Amino acid sequence: VTSGRKVKGPTKDDEKPVMPESLALEGNVQLNKLIKNAIKKSKKKAKKTANRADKLSDSLGNMLGGESMEM
């Protein structure tokens, strides 16, 4: 204010943190748990896909191997 009066309002010293420290830690734990579960889920999905591919290649190999023996 140009008239020289002091304006009463919040100062930097009066500001409180948005989240308490305890909640910040819990937030990190929850985030880490979500990341861990997402990685676990993707690994499980990749393993399942690999198993399906192996079964498919085995069945195709058996079919092709069986046909070549009959000839």
Protein backbone atom coordinates (compact mmCIF):
# COMPACT_ATOMS: atom_id res chain seq x y z
CA VAL A 1 0.00 0.00 0.00
CA THR A 2 1.46 3.35 -1.00
CA SER A 3 0.07 5.31 1.98
CA GLY A 4 2.56 3.64 4.32
CA ARG A 5 0.01 1.62 6.24
CA LYS A 6 0.84 -1.97 7.05
CA VAL A 7 -1.50 -4.54 5.63
CA LYS A 8 -2.22 -7.37 8.02
CA GLY A 9 -2.24 -10.69 6.27
CA PRO A 10 -0.55 -14.03 6.18
CA THR A 11 3.20 -13.97 6.20
CA LYS A 12 5.62 -16.68 5.25
CA ASP A 13 6.16 -17.48 8.92
CA ASP A 14 2.43 -18.03 9.45
CA GLU A 15 2.05 -20.52 6.59
CA LYS A 16 1.46 -24.10 7.63
CA PRO A 17 2.53 -27.08 5.53
CA VAL A 18 -0.16 -28.43 3.25
CA MET A 19 0.18 -31.94 4.64
CA PRO A 20 1.46 -32.96 8.06
CA GLU A 21 4.73 -34.89 8.06
CA SER A 22 3.01 -38.12 9.17
CA LEU A 23 0.63 -38.07 6.20
CA ALA A 24 3.47 -37.34 3.79
CA LEU A 25 5.21 -40.52 4.92
CA GLU A 26 2.02 -42.57 4.57
CA GLY A 27 1.52 -41.13 1.11
CA ASN A 28 4.98 -42.33 0.10
CA VAL A 29 4.32 -45.77 1.55
CA GLN A 30 1.04 -46.01 -0.34
CA LEU A 31 2.71 -44.84 -3.55
CA ASN A 32 5.51 -47.38 -3.12
CA LYS A 33 2.94 -50.12 -2.51
CA LEU A 34 1.05 -49.19 -5.68
CA ILE A 35 4.27 -49.20 -7.71
CA LYS A 36 5.29 -52.56 -6.24
CA ASN A 37 1.89 -54.07 -7.06
CA ALA A 38 1.97 -52.68 -10.61
CA ILE A 39 5.41 -54.19 -11.21
CA LYS A 40 4.29 -57.50 -9.74
CA LYS A 41 1.20 -57.50 -11.95
CA SER A 42 3.20 -56.74 -15.11
CA LYS A 43 5.73 -59.49 -14.31
CA LYS A 44 2.90 -61.97 -13.74
CA LYS A 45 1.29 -60.97 -17.05
CA ALA A 46 4.61 -61.32 -18.90
CA LYS A 47 5.18 -64.76 -17.37
CA LYS A 48 1.68 -65.85 -18.36
CA THR A 49 2.24 -64.63 -21.93
CA ALA A 50 5.58 -66.47 -22.09
CA ASN A 51 3.94 -69.69 -20.85
CA ARG A 52 1.22 -69.38 -23.49
CA ALA A 53 3.84 -68.83 -26.20
CA ASP A 54 5.79 -71.89 -25.01
CA LYS A 55 2.66 -74.06 -25.04
CA LEU A 56 1.77 -72.82 -28.51
CA SER A 57 5.26 -73.50 -29.86
CA ASP A 58 5.25 -76.97 -28.28
CA SER A 59 1.88 -77.82 -29.79
CA LEU A 60 2.96 -76.53 -33.22
CA GLY A 61 6.21 -78.47 -32.94
CA ASN A 62 4.31 -81.64 -32.07
CA MET A 63 1.93 -81.13 -34.98
CA LEU A 64 4.73 -80.47 -37.46
CA GLY A 65 6.90 -83.24 -36.02
CA GLY A 66 4.01 -85.70 -36.24
CA GLU A 67 3.33 -84.82 -39.88
CA SER A 68 6.96 -85.23 -40.89
CA MET A 69 7.10 -88.70 -39.32
CA GLU A 70 4.05 -89.85 -41.27
CA MET A 71 5.58 -88.89 -44.61
